[in-house]
Protein backbone atom coordinates (compact mmCIF):
# COMPACT_ATOMS: atom_id res chain seq x y z
CA UNK A 1 68.40 146.20 64.36
CA UNK A 2 69.80 143.64 66.78
CA UNK A 3 68.82 140.17 65.57
CA UNK A 4 70.09 138.39 68.71
CA UNK A 5 67.58 136.38 70.69
CA UNK A 6 66.26 138.21 73.76
CA UNK A 7 68.08 137.17 76.92
CA UNK A 8 66.31 135.37 79.72
CA UNK A 9 67.35 133.28 82.69
CA UNK A 10 63.87 131.96 83.27
CA UNK A 11 63.79 128.91 85.57
CA UNK A 12 62.21 125.80 84.08
CA UNK A 13 60.48 123.10 86.06
CA UNK A 14 61.93 120.59 85.80
CA UNK A 15 65.36 121.93 84.94
CA UNK A 16 66.34 120.20 81.70
CA UNK A 17 69.90 119.69 82.99
CA UNK A 18 68.56 117.61 85.87
CA UNK A 19 66.85 115.24 83.42
CA UNK A 20 69.56 114.30 80.90
CA UNK A 21 71.13 110.86 81.05
CA UNK A 22 74.76 110.46 82.09
CA UNK A 23 77.39 109.70 79.48
CA UNK A 24 78.65 106.85 81.68
CA UNK A 25 79.54 106.18 85.31
CA UNK A 26 82.93 107.74 84.55
CA UNK A 27 81.63 110.94 82.92
CA UNK A 28 78.73 111.98 85.11
CA UNK A 29 76.61 115.09 84.52
CA UNK A 30 76.46 117.33 87.57
CA UNK A 31 72.95 117.88 88.98
CA UNK A 32 72.02 121.57 89.31
CA UNK A 33 71.51 121.18 93.07
CA UNK A 34 75.07 119.94 93.57
CA UNK A 35 76.55 122.64 91.32
CA UNK A 36 74.79 125.30 93.36
CA UNK A 37 75.95 123.80 96.64
CA UNK A 38 79.53 124.02 95.44
CA UNK A 39 79.08 127.58 94.17
CA UNK A 40 77.51 128.58 97.51
CA UNK A 41 80.61 127.21 99.26
CA UNK A 42 82.89 129.24 96.97
CA UNK A 43 80.84 132.39 97.57
CA UNK A 44 80.99 131.93 101.35
CA UNK A 45 84.76 131.48 101.23
CA UNK A 46 85.15 134.54 99.00
CA UNK A 47 83.11 136.64 101.43
CA UNK A 48 85.15 135.39 104.39
CA UNK A 49 88.38 136.38 102.64
CA UNK A 50 87.11 139.71 101.24
CA UNK A 51 85.48 141.39 104.25
CA UNK A 52 82.03 140.08 103.41
CA UNK A 53 82.12 141.03 99.72
CA UNK A 54 79.73 139.29 97.33
CA UNK A 55 81.63 137.50 94.59
CA UNK A 56 78.63 137.80 92.26
CA UNK A 57 78.85 141.59 92.28
CA UNK A 58 82.46 141.67 91.11
CA UNK A 59 82.80 142.14 87.35
CA UNK A 60 86.53 141.33 87.38
CA UNK A 61 86.34 137.76 88.73
CA UNK A 62 87.11 135.03 86.19
CA UNK A 63 85.65 131.53 86.39
CA UNK A 64 86.79 128.34 84.62
CA UNK A 65 85.15 124.94 84.33
CA UNK A 66 87.97 122.87 82.76
CA UNK A 67 85.79 119.77 82.38
CA UNK A 68 82.54 121.13 80.98
CA UNK A 69 79.86 118.59 80.15
CA UNK A 70 76.32 119.95 80.44
CA UNK A 71 77.49 123.49 81.15
CA UNK A 72 75.67 123.56 84.49
CA UNK A 73 78.44 125.31 86.44
CA UNK A 74 78.86 127.98 83.77
CA UNK A 75 75.12 128.47 83.45
CA UNK A 76 74.61 128.92 87.19
CA UNK A 77 77.63 131.23 87.47
CA UNK A 78 76.23 133.32 84.62
CA UNK A 79 72.81 133.46 86.29
CA UNK A 80 74.30 134.60 89.61
CA UNK A 81 76.51 137.23 87.98
CA UNK A 82 73.60 138.51 85.91
CA UNK A 83 71.67 139.21 89.08
CA UNK A 84 74.65 140.44 91.09
CA UNK A 85 75.95 142.92 88.51
CA UNK A 86 72.58 144.50 87.78
CA UNK A 87 73.40 147.65 89.75
CA UNK A 88 76.83 148.17 88.17
CA UNK A 89 75.82 147.28 84.59
CA UNK A 90 72.09 148.13 84.35
CA UNK A 91 71.65 147.25 80.68
CA UNK A 92 70.84 143.53 80.56
CA UNK A 93 72.32 142.85 77.14
CA UNK A 94 75.54 144.70 77.96
CA UNK A 95 75.75 142.93 81.32
CA UNK A 96 75.28 139.46 79.89
CA UNK A 97 77.73 140.13 77.09
CA UNK A 98 80.37 141.27 79.60
CA UNK A 99 79.85 138.17 81.75
CA UNK A 100 80.04 135.71 78.88
CA UNK A 101 83.00 137.29 77.11
CA UNK A 102 85.09 138.42 80.11
CA UNK A 103 84.22 136.26 83.11
CA UNK A 104 82.97 132.76 82.23
CA UNK A 105 85.17 130.15 80.51
CA UNK A 106 84.92 126.42 79.89
CA UNK A 107 86.83 123.53 78.34
CA UNK A 108 84.54 120.81 77.04
CA UNK A 109 85.54 117.15 77.36
CA UNK A 110 84.02 116.02 74.03
CA UNK A 111 82.57 117.54 70.89
CA UNK A 112 79.08 116.58 72.05
CA UNK A 113 79.45 118.23 75.46
CA UNK A 114 80.87 121.38 73.86
CA UNK A 115 77.63 121.78 71.90
CA UNK A 116 75.52 120.95 74.95
CA UNK A 117 77.41 123.40 77.16
CA UNK A 118 77.15 126.22 74.61
CA UNK A 119 73.43 125.57 74.33
CA UNK A 120 73.13 125.80 78.13
CA UNK A 121 75.22 128.97 78.46
CA UNK A 122 74.73 130.88 75.19
CA UNK A 123 71.28 129.44 74.38
CA UNK A 124 72.81 128.37 71.07
CA UNK A 125 75.26 125.68 70.03
CA UNK A 126 77.18 128.46 68.27
CA UNK A 127 78.40 131.33 70.43
CA UNK A 128 78.19 133.69 67.48
CA UNK A 129 74.94 132.28 66.11
CA UNK A 130 71.80 134.35 65.60
CA UNK A 131 70.14 132.79 68.63
CA UNK A 132 73.11 133.35 70.95
CA UNK A 133 72.54 135.71 73.88
CA UNK A 134 76.15 136.90 73.52
CA UNK A 135 77.06 139.46 70.87
CA UNK A 136 80.79 139.77 71.39
CA UNK A 137 82.14 136.55 69.89
CA UNK A 138 83.66 136.08 66.46
CA UNK A 139 84.04 132.31 66.83
CA UNK A 140 81.45 129.57 67.10
CA UNK A 141 83.13 128.26 70.27
CA UNK A 142 83.06 131.51 72.22
CA UNK A 143 84.68 130.89 75.60
CA UNK A 144 83.70 127.20 75.68
CA UNK A 145 86.66 125.59 73.98
CA UNK A 146 86.99 122.18 72.41
CA UNK A 147 89.32 120.66 69.84
CA UNK A 148 89.85 117.00 69.19
CA UNK A 149 93.15 115.77 70.61
CA UNK A 150 94.96 112.46 70.18
CA UNK A 151 96.69 110.52 72.93
CA UNK A 152 100.47 110.27 72.98
CA UNK A 153 101.14 106.54 72.85
CA UNK A 154 104.28 104.93 74.20
CA UNK A 155 104.35 101.16 74.72
CA UNK A 156 100.58 100.89 74.47
CA UNK A 157 99.68 103.62 76.97
CA UNK A 158 99.19 107.36 76.85
CA UNK A 159 102.05 109.17 78.54
CA UNK A 160 99.71 111.82 79.96
CA UNK A 161 96.67 109.91 81.22
CA UNK A 162 97.66 106.22 81.07
CA UNK A 163 94.82 105.28 78.70
CA UNK A 164 95.05 101.99 76.85
CA UNK A 165 96.00 102.28 73.17
CA UNK A 166 94.17 99.05 72.37
CA UNK A 167 90.97 100.57 73.77
CA UNK A 168 91.05 104.21 72.68
CA UNK A 169 93.17 104.33 69.53
CA UNK A 170 90.09 103.66 67.43
CA UNK A 171 89.74 106.03 64.51
CA UNK A 172 88.47 109.52 63.77
CA UNK A 173 84.78 108.57 63.91
CA UNK A 174 84.85 108.00 67.69
CA UNK A 175 85.82 110.18 70.63
CA UNK A 176 89.41 109.74 71.83
CA UNK A 177 88.70 110.87 75.41
CA UNK A 178 92.06 112.62 75.27
CA UNK A 179 91.16 115.51 77.54
CA UNK A 180 93.06 118.66 76.64
CA UNK A 181 93.34 119.93 80.20
CA UNK A 182 95.54 117.01 81.27
CA UNK A 183 97.35 116.30 78.00
CA UNK A 184 99.99 118.99 78.35
CA UNK A 185 103.20 119.58 80.26
CA UNK A 186 102.54 123.32 80.53
CA UNK A 187 98.96 124.04 81.43
CA UNK A 188 99.39 127.83 81.62
CA UNK A 189 100.70 128.01 78.06
CA UNK A 190 97.97 125.64 76.92
CA UNK A 191 95.25 127.82 78.47
CA UNK A 192 96.74 130.88 76.80
CA UNK A 193 96.56 129.17 73.42
CA UNK A 194 92.94 128.16 74.03
CA UNK A 195 91.66 131.60 75.02
CA UNK A 196 94.06 133.90 73.19
CA UNK A 197 96.29 135.26 75.92
CA UNK A 198 97.60 134.94 79.45
CA UNK A 199 94.70 133.99 81.71
CA UNK A 200 94.50 134.10 85.50
CA UNK A 201 91.37 132.48 86.89
CA UNK A 202 90.03 133.38 90.30
CA UNK A 203 87.77 130.34 90.61
CA UNK A 204 88.09 126.90 89.01
CA UNK A 205 85.15 124.56 89.55
CA UNK A 206 84.06 121.30 87.91
CA UNK A 207 83.32 117.60 87.87
CA UNK A 208 86.13 115.77 86.03
CA UNK A 209 85.95 112.39 84.29
CA UNK A 210 86.76 109.68 86.81
CA UNK A 211 88.66 106.91 85.03
CA UNK A 212 89.80 105.41 81.73
CA UNK A 213 90.45 101.82 80.75
CA UNK A 214 94.09 100.85 81.21
CA UNK A 215 93.90 97.40 79.58
CA UNK A 216 94.32 95.68 82.94
CA UNK A 217 92.53 92.63 84.30
CA UNK A 218 88.81 92.34 83.64
CA UNK A 219 87.10 95.65 84.33
CA UNK A 220 90.38 97.28 85.28
CA UNK A 221 90.46 101.04 84.86
CA UNK A 222 92.87 103.71 86.01
CA UNK A 223 91.60 106.81 87.83
CA UNK A 224 92.28 110.12 86.08
CA UNK A 225 90.34 112.64 88.19
CA UNK A 226 93.46 113.35 90.24
CA UNK A 227 95.20 114.62 87.10
CA UNK A 228 92.54 117.32 86.68
CA UNK A 229 92.91 118.40 90.31
CA UNK A 230 96.68 118.65 89.97
CA UNK A 231 96.47 120.64 86.72
CA UNK A 232 93.91 122.99 88.25
CA UNK A 233 96.22 123.65 91.20
CA UNK A 234 99.03 124.37 88.73
CA UNK A 235 96.95 127.27 87.36
CA UNK A 236 97.05 128.81 90.85
CA UNK A 237 93.43 129.96 91.10
CA UNK A 238 92.21 131.81 94.17
CA UNK A 239 89.72 129.01 94.82
CA UNK A 240 89.38 125.48 93.47
CA UNK A 241 86.39 123.20 93.98
CA UNK A 242 85.81 119.82 92.32
CA UNK A 243 83.59 116.82 92.93
CA UNK A 244 85.52 113.54 92.72
CA UNK A 245 85.25 109.91 93.89
CA UNK A 246 86.14 109.48 97.57
CA UNK A 247 88.30 106.38 97.06
CA UNK A 248 91.43 108.52 97.14
CA UNK A 249 90.95 108.78 100.92
CA UNK A 250 92.48 105.35 101.48
CA UNK A 251 93.21 103.49 98.24
CA UNK A 252 92.98 103.44 94.48
CA UNK A 253 95.36 102.42 91.76
CA UNK A 254 98.03 105.06 91.18
CA UNK A 255 96.62 107.42 93.82
CA UNK A 256 99.29 107.20 96.51
CA UNK A 257 101.12 110.37 95.45
CA UNK A 258 97.87 112.25 94.95
CA UNK A 259 96.60 111.20 98.38
CA UNK A 260 99.83 112.32 100.03
CA UNK A 261 99.75 115.68 98.22
CA UNK A 262 96.14 116.29 99.25
CA UNK A 263 96.57 115.25 102.87
CA UNK A 264 99.67 117.40 103.31
CA UNK A 265 98.18 120.45 101.53
CA UNK A 266 96.89 122.78 104.24
CA UNK A 267 95.12 124.87 101.59
CA UNK A 268 92.48 122.13 101.38
CA UNK A 269 90.02 123.82 103.71
CA UNK A 270 86.77 121.90 103.28
CA UNK A 271 85.65 118.39 102.31
CA UNK A 272 82.00 117.39 102.00
CA UNK A 273 81.95 113.59 101.98
CA UNK A 274 78.92 111.66 100.71
CA UNK A 275 79.06 108.00 101.71
CA UNK A 276 76.90 106.95 98.80
CA UNK A 277 77.24 108.49 95.35
CA UNK A 278 73.53 108.13 94.60
CA UNK A 279 72.80 110.81 97.21
CA UNK A 280 74.59 113.24 94.90
CA UNK A 281 74.22 111.61 91.48
CA UNK A 282 70.84 109.83 91.42
CA UNK A 283 71.01 106.47 89.72
CA UNK A 284 74.81 106.40 89.46
CA UNK A 285 76.59 103.26 90.68
CA UNK A 286 79.93 104.45 92.05
CA UNK A 287 81.25 102.41 94.95
CA UNK A 288 82.98 104.25 97.76
CA UNK A 289 81.00 107.49 97.59
CA UNK A 290 82.01 110.94 96.37
CA UNK A 291 83.24 114.18 97.84
CA UNK A 292 83.61 117.78 96.85
CA UNK A 293 86.30 120.01 98.29
CA UNK A 294 87.36 123.63 98.55
CA UNK A 295 91.00 124.59 98.06
CA UNK A 296 91.88 128.12 99.18
CA UNK A 297 95.21 129.39 97.87
CA UNK A 298 95.64 132.24 100.36
CA UNK A 299 94.34 130.76 103.61
CA UNK A 300 96.08 127.58 104.83
CA UNK A 301 94.74 125.92 107.94
CA UNK A 302 92.76 122.99 109.28
CA UNK A 303 90.03 121.38 107.19
CA UNK A 304 86.30 121.32 107.82
CA UNK A 305 85.24 117.70 107.25
CA UNK A 306 81.51 117.04 106.83
CA UNK A 307 79.97 113.59 106.38
CA UNK A 308 76.58 113.16 104.66
CA UNK A 309 74.48 110.02 104.42
CA UNK A 310 70.74 109.97 103.76
CA UNK A 311 68.84 110.86 106.94
CA UNK A 312 71.79 110.58 109.32
CA UNK A 313 72.64 113.71 111.29
CA UNK A 314 75.35 115.61 109.44
CA UNK A 315 78.73 115.18 111.14
CA UNK A 316 81.20 118.08 110.96
CA UNK A 317 84.63 118.50 112.52
CA UNK A 318 87.54 120.90 112.04
CA UNK A 319 90.65 118.77 111.94
CA UNK A 320 93.93 117.92 110.31
CA UNK A 321 93.62 115.73 107.24
CA UNK A 322 96.65 113.61 108.09
CA UNK A 323 97.21 112.06 111.48
CA UNK A 324 100.66 111.16 112.72
CA UNK A 325 101.63 107.67 111.60
CA UNK A 326 98.67 107.31 109.21
CA UNK A 327 99.01 107.33 105.42
CA UNK A 328 95.27 107.55 104.66
CA UNK A 329 92.45 109.95 105.40
CA UNK A 330 90.26 108.78 108.30
CA UNK A 331 86.85 109.14 106.74
CA UNK A 332 84.51 109.25 109.72
CA UNK A 333 84.95 111.95 112.36
CA UNK A 334 83.58 109.58 114.99
CA UNK A 335 85.81 106.80 113.66
CA UNK A 336 88.89 108.94 114.27
CA UNK A 337 88.11 109.31 117.98
CA UNK A 338 87.49 105.56 118.27
CA UNK A 339 90.76 104.74 116.51
CA UNK A 340 92.65 107.07 118.83
CA UNK A 341 91.24 105.21 121.84
CA UNK A 342 92.24 101.82 120.45
CA UNK A 343 95.76 102.95 119.62
CA UNK A 344 96.16 104.65 123.02
CA UNK A 345 95.58 101.33 124.78
CA UNK A 346 97.91 99.39 122.49
CA UNK A 347 100.58 102.06 122.09
CA UNK A 348 100.72 104.20 125.22
CA UNK A 349 104.19 105.64 124.64
CA UNK A 350 103.46 107.74 121.52
CA UNK A 351 100.96 110.14 120.00
CA UNK A 352 101.18 108.34 116.65
CA UNK A 353 98.14 106.47 115.36
CA UNK A 354 100.42 103.75 114.03
CA UNK A 355 100.24 100.47 115.95
CA UNK A 356 103.53 98.78 116.86
CA UNK A 357 104.32 96.20 114.20
CA UNK A 358 104.20 93.30 116.66
CA UNK A 359 100.66 94.30 117.64
CA UNK A 360 99.25 94.68 114.12
CA UNK A 361 96.74 92.12 112.94
CA UNK A 362 97.78 92.61 109.33
CA UNK A 363 100.97 90.70 110.13
CA UNK A 364 98.78 87.58 110.27
CA UNK A 365 97.09 88.29 106.92
CA UNK A 366 98.43 86.99 103.62
CA UNK A 367 98.96 89.06 100.51
CA UNK A 368 96.88 88.24 97.43
CA UNK A 369 97.28 84.72 96.04
CA UNK A 370 98.27 83.31 99.44
CA UNK A 371 99.16 79.94 97.89
CA UNK A 372 99.96 81.22 94.41
CA UNK A 373 96.66 80.16 92.81
CA UNK A 374 94.69 82.72 90.75
CA UNK A 375 91.00 83.51 91.09
CA UNK A 376 90.11 81.43 88.04
CA UNK A 377 91.70 78.29 89.47
CA UNK A 378 89.22 75.37 89.53
CA UNK A 379 91.29 72.33 90.42
CA UNK A 380 90.29 68.70 90.31
CA UNK A 381 86.74 67.73 91.17
CA UNK A 382 87.70 64.43 92.84
CA UNK A 383 90.30 63.95 95.56
CA UNK A 384 93.28 61.78 94.81
CA UNK A 385 96.01 60.42 97.05
CA UNK A 386 98.03 63.26 98.53
CA UNK A 387 95.68 65.97 97.26
CA UNK A 388 94.88 69.11 99.23
CA UNK A 389 91.43 70.73 99.43
CA UNK A 390 91.27 74.18 97.78
CA UNK A 391 88.65 76.78 98.69
CA UNK A 392 88.12 78.57 95.40
CA UNK A 393 85.72 80.88 93.63
CA UNK A 394 82.32 79.18 93.59
CA UNK A 395 83.15 76.18 95.77
CA UNK A 396 86.03 73.78 96.36
CA UNK A 397 88.45 71.69 94.32
CA UNK A 398 91.61 69.65 94.81
CA UNK A 399 95.25 70.01 93.90
CA UNK A 400 98.28 67.82 94.32
CA UNK A 401 100.41 68.96 97.25
CA UNK A 402 103.46 68.97 94.98
CA UNK A 403 101.74 71.47 92.64
CA UNK A 404 101.18 74.18 95.26
CA UNK A 405 103.51 77.05 94.29
CA UNK A 406 104.03 78.85 97.61
CA UNK A 407 103.31 79.02 101.37
CA UNK A 408 103.55 75.26 101.71
CA UNK A 409 104.41 75.73 105.39
CA UNK A 410 100.80 76.83 106.00
CA UNK A 411 99.14 73.77 104.49
CA UNK A 412 99.11 71.68 107.63
CA UNK A 413 98.21 74.48 110.06
CA UNK A 414 94.95 75.94 111.30
CA UNK A 415 93.98 79.22 109.69
CA UNK A 416 91.04 81.50 108.87
CA UNK A 417 89.93 82.34 105.34
CA UNK A 418 88.15 85.55 104.37
CA UNK A 419 87.05 86.74 100.93
CA UNK A 420 89.21 89.24 99.04
CA UNK A 421 86.02 91.05 98.03
CA UNK A 422 83.48 92.36 100.50
CA UNK A 423 79.84 91.31 100.12
CA UNK A 424 78.29 92.85 97.02
CA UNK A 425 75.56 95.47 97.40
CA UNK A 426 74.92 96.13 93.74
CA UNK A 427 75.73 99.69 92.74
CA UNK A 428 74.96 101.21 96.12
CA UNK A 429 76.88 101.84 99.34
CA UNK A 430 74.52 100.75 102.10
CA UNK A 431 74.84 101.12 105.87
CA UNK A 432 75.02 99.35 108.20
CA UNK A 433 77.53 97.46 106.08
CA UNK A 434 79.04 94.06 106.69
CA UNK A 435 82.56 95.24 105.69
CA UNK A 436 83.87 91.66 105.30
CA UNK A 437 82.56 88.52 103.69
CA UNK A 438 81.91 85.87 106.33
CA UNK A 439 85.23 84.34 107.42
CA UNK A 440 85.55 80.63 108.11
CA UNK A 441 88.09 78.24 109.60
CA UNK A 442 90.53 76.41 107.39
CA UNK A 443 91.58 73.05 108.75
CA UNK A 444 94.98 71.49 108.15
CA UNK A 445 95.43 70.07 104.65
CA UNK A 446 93.49 72.98 103.06
CA UNK A 447 94.53 76.00 101.03
CA UNK A 448 92.73 78.68 99.00
CA UNK A 449 92.87 80.43 95.66
CA UNK A 450 93.20 84.20 95.27
CA UNK A 451 89.48 84.42 96.00
CA UNK A 452 90.38 84.36 99.70
CA UNK A 453 93.04 85.77 101.98
CA UNK A 454 94.60 83.42 104.51
CA UNK A 455 94.94 84.53 108.15
CA UNK A 456 97.29 82.58 110.38
CA UNK A 457 98.90 80.22 111.12
CA UNK A 458 97.41 79.08 114.43
CA UNK A 459 98.38 76.20 116.65
CA UNK A 460 94.91 74.91 117.46
CA UNK A 461 91.28 75.07 116.39
CA UNK A 462 90.58 77.04 119.58
CA UNK A 463 92.90 79.83 118.45
CA UNK A 464 91.27 79.88 115.03
CA UNK A 465 87.83 80.10 116.67
CA UNK A 466 89.06 83.04 118.76
CA UNK A 467 90.20 84.89 115.63
CA UNK A 468 86.92 84.08 113.91
CA UNK A 469 84.96 85.60 116.78
CA UNK A 470 87.20 88.68 116.73
CA UNK A 471 86.57 89.29 113.03
CA UNK A 472 82.83 89.05 113.62
CA UNK A 473 82.95 91.93 116.14
CA UNK A 474 81.61 95.22 114.90
CA UNK A 475 84.47 97.24 116.38
CA UNK A 476 87.03 95.10 114.55
CA UNK A 477 85.26 95.60 111.26
CA UNK A 478 84.91 99.37 111.83
CA UNK A 479 88.70 99.56 112.18
CA UNK A 480 88.97 97.70 108.87
CA UNK A 481 86.50 100.11 107.24
CA UNK A 482 88.63 103.11 108.25
CA UNK A 483 91.35 101.83 105.90
CA UNK A 484 89.09 100.32 103.24
CA UNK A 485 88.11 102.45 100.21
CA UNK A 486 86.20 99.85 98.16
CA UNK A 487 85.03 96.24 98.03
CA UNK A 488 88.62 95.09 97.70
CA UNK A 489 89.75 93.76 101.09
CA UNK A 490 93.51 93.35 100.81
CA UNK A 491 95.97 92.87 103.64
CA UNK A 492 96.58 96.59 104.07
CA UNK A 493 93.00 97.31 105.22
CA UNK A 494 93.76 95.46 108.49
CA UNK A 495 96.46 98.00 109.40
CA UNK A 496 94.41 99.66 112.18
CA UNK A 497 93.34 96.34 113.74
CA UNK A 498 95.34 95.28 116.80
CA UNK A 499 96.15 91.68 117.64
CA UNK A 500 94.52 90.15 120.70
CA UNK A 501 95.19 87.14 122.90
CA UNK A 502 93.70 84.14 121.06
CA UNK A 503 92.59 82.33 124.21
CA UNK A 504 88.92 83.33 124.34
CA UNK A 505 85.81 83.97 122.27
CA UNK A 506 85.69 87.71 121.68
CA UNK A 507 82.58 89.88 121.77
CA UNK A 508 81.98 93.55 121.14
CA UNK A 509 81.21 94.03 124.80
CA UNK A 510 84.73 92.78 125.62
CA UNK A 511 86.30 95.17 123.13
CA UNK A 512 84.15 98.14 124.14
CA UNK A 513 85.24 97.67 127.75
CA UNK A 514 88.90 97.19 126.86
CA UNK A 515 89.10 100.37 124.79
CA UNK A 516 86.69 102.58 126.74
CA UNK A 517 84.16 103.00 123.93
CA UNK A 518 81.28 105.28 124.98
CA UNK A 519 77.57 104.74 124.44
CA UNK A 520 77.48 107.37 121.69
CA UNK A 521 80.45 105.73 119.97
CA UNK A 522 78.77 102.34 120.25
CA UNK A 523 75.65 103.82 118.64
CA UNK A 524 77.81 105.11 115.77
CA UNK A 525 79.50 101.72 115.30
CA UNK A 526 76.16 99.92 115.20
CA UNK A 527 74.84 102.46 112.69
CA UNK A 528 77.77 101.78 110.35
CA UNK A 529 78.56 98.08 110.84
CA UNK A 530 76.06 95.25 110.43
CA UNK A 531 76.07 92.21 112.77
CA UNK A 532 77.76 89.12 111.35
CA UNK A 533 76.28 85.63 111.49
CA UNK A 534 78.99 82.94 111.77
CA UNK A 535 76.63 79.97 111.37
CA UNK A 536 77.85 79.25 107.83
CA UNK A 537 81.09 77.32 107.91
CA UNK A 538 82.09 78.46 104.41
CA UNK A 539 81.46 81.98 103.17
CA UNK A 540 78.40 82.21 100.94
CA UNK A 541 78.77 85.95 100.43
CA UNK A 542 81.28 85.74 97.62
CA UNK A 543 80.30 85.57 93.99
CA UNK A 544 82.45 86.04 90.92
CA UNK A 545 80.62 89.25 89.99
CA UNK A 546 81.67 90.76 93.32
CA UNK A 547 85.38 90.47 92.64
CA UNK A 548 87.20 93.55 91.45
CA UNK A 549 90.80 94.41 90.78
CA UNK A 550 90.48 97.87 89.28
CA UNK A 551 91.52 99.49 92.57
CA UNK A 552 94.20 97.01 93.40
CA UNK A 553 97.59 98.33 94.40
CA UNK A 554 98.17 95.48 96.79
CA UNK A 555 101.18 94.87 98.95
CA UNK A 556 102.47 91.77 97.24
């Protein structure tokens, strides 16, 4: 007599996997709704490439989730295959056993998630347990693999993922977060060792961990999700879909090579971009939003880019991911058309979206630490003879002119200061967004700490006022946003902003007329960028808690 538990894929309300708490903001459980959206996208692509065939009726297709946490992808795949293969394998127990032993595979990221995923997929934490709905496994793991792995430390960092030894080399009683999928130089051999033979997966889908501490400044952490994407590509699946942070579009520590590889890979056929992560992961604070993508090995071409944000109309365009002269992904479809108009006026002789160097506003913007003083600099509270006023984090201080390390030629000029960090909005991305902290004019005999960037020099207060008005314009700040992946507002985010003549007070109406911005484009700009009030002479937007360096790969 078969003592296995009877199989059922009964739907619960609510779905238990939509109710569990996340491990952290870096290891986020995937909501069932999102998992099914991604699987729908894979199924549509499969049908398009296989003369309308239904992937869920094919008993030969193999699926892998290399970053299994709750097991939601594997559970939903199993559910769809169970329904789709009913005609070909009528016996339910035989059908389920075939699916679980021959088609559905996972690699858990921790011991805990391996048990959770097996419970979700096999209805038992042991694949060969008496309550398991599978009857073809000899091992407790089944096809959801996990073994504890240690990092490979060299000079305090892991050679595979860059994790900090001081943070994660912490004994056998705690998780190492050394993820097997990315801790190997030969992923195909590694997969073979996990599952007992050469494996070719048709579909790889998942939600990888996002970052690990790298022992940098403050809350510094290095992204690792790109390593999972690269390893998955190395397995050469037919389709690959993952949900990852969207910061790779324009920035992120250590992401330059990954960004270039993604933008130049014409097999990346679809990106669904969510401007705020909470629209996908309720309650998760992840600045910069998230995206999920579809990579199609056999069908290179242009990419379908879709932008989602709350109740906004969904924006979709078929376009190239990389524009000539641009080293980032232009996030907004409408923003791309606006940028092209601006560049066409400033750079009529070329199709490139790169402004001529002599017309780029970023040439006026300092790198971090414009005068060599760190964020934590406080200075003297009382002014002495020969001292210079310092705009610093939380207020002002003083420093002897002779103690200023660098950029002494700017001390006695007019300039504009703007915060390195954009105004804080808690853990949410909100629109319309201010983009910049409120800039203010720096008179001669003033400098700033790293809290601010310095823009200038200018010959007169009138020129500084002109620049100030320009930075307050919504169009200017939209151009900054197109190159800005996070709160960090370094010099490079001004790359798309053209210089102007500093002999007038600028308004958006002036800029809209100059660049031929249409009414619909104006409506988009006003939906994305908040008006800026310049009444405050010194920025009050900046607070110490708003300052981040974890994404910093600045140009200094």
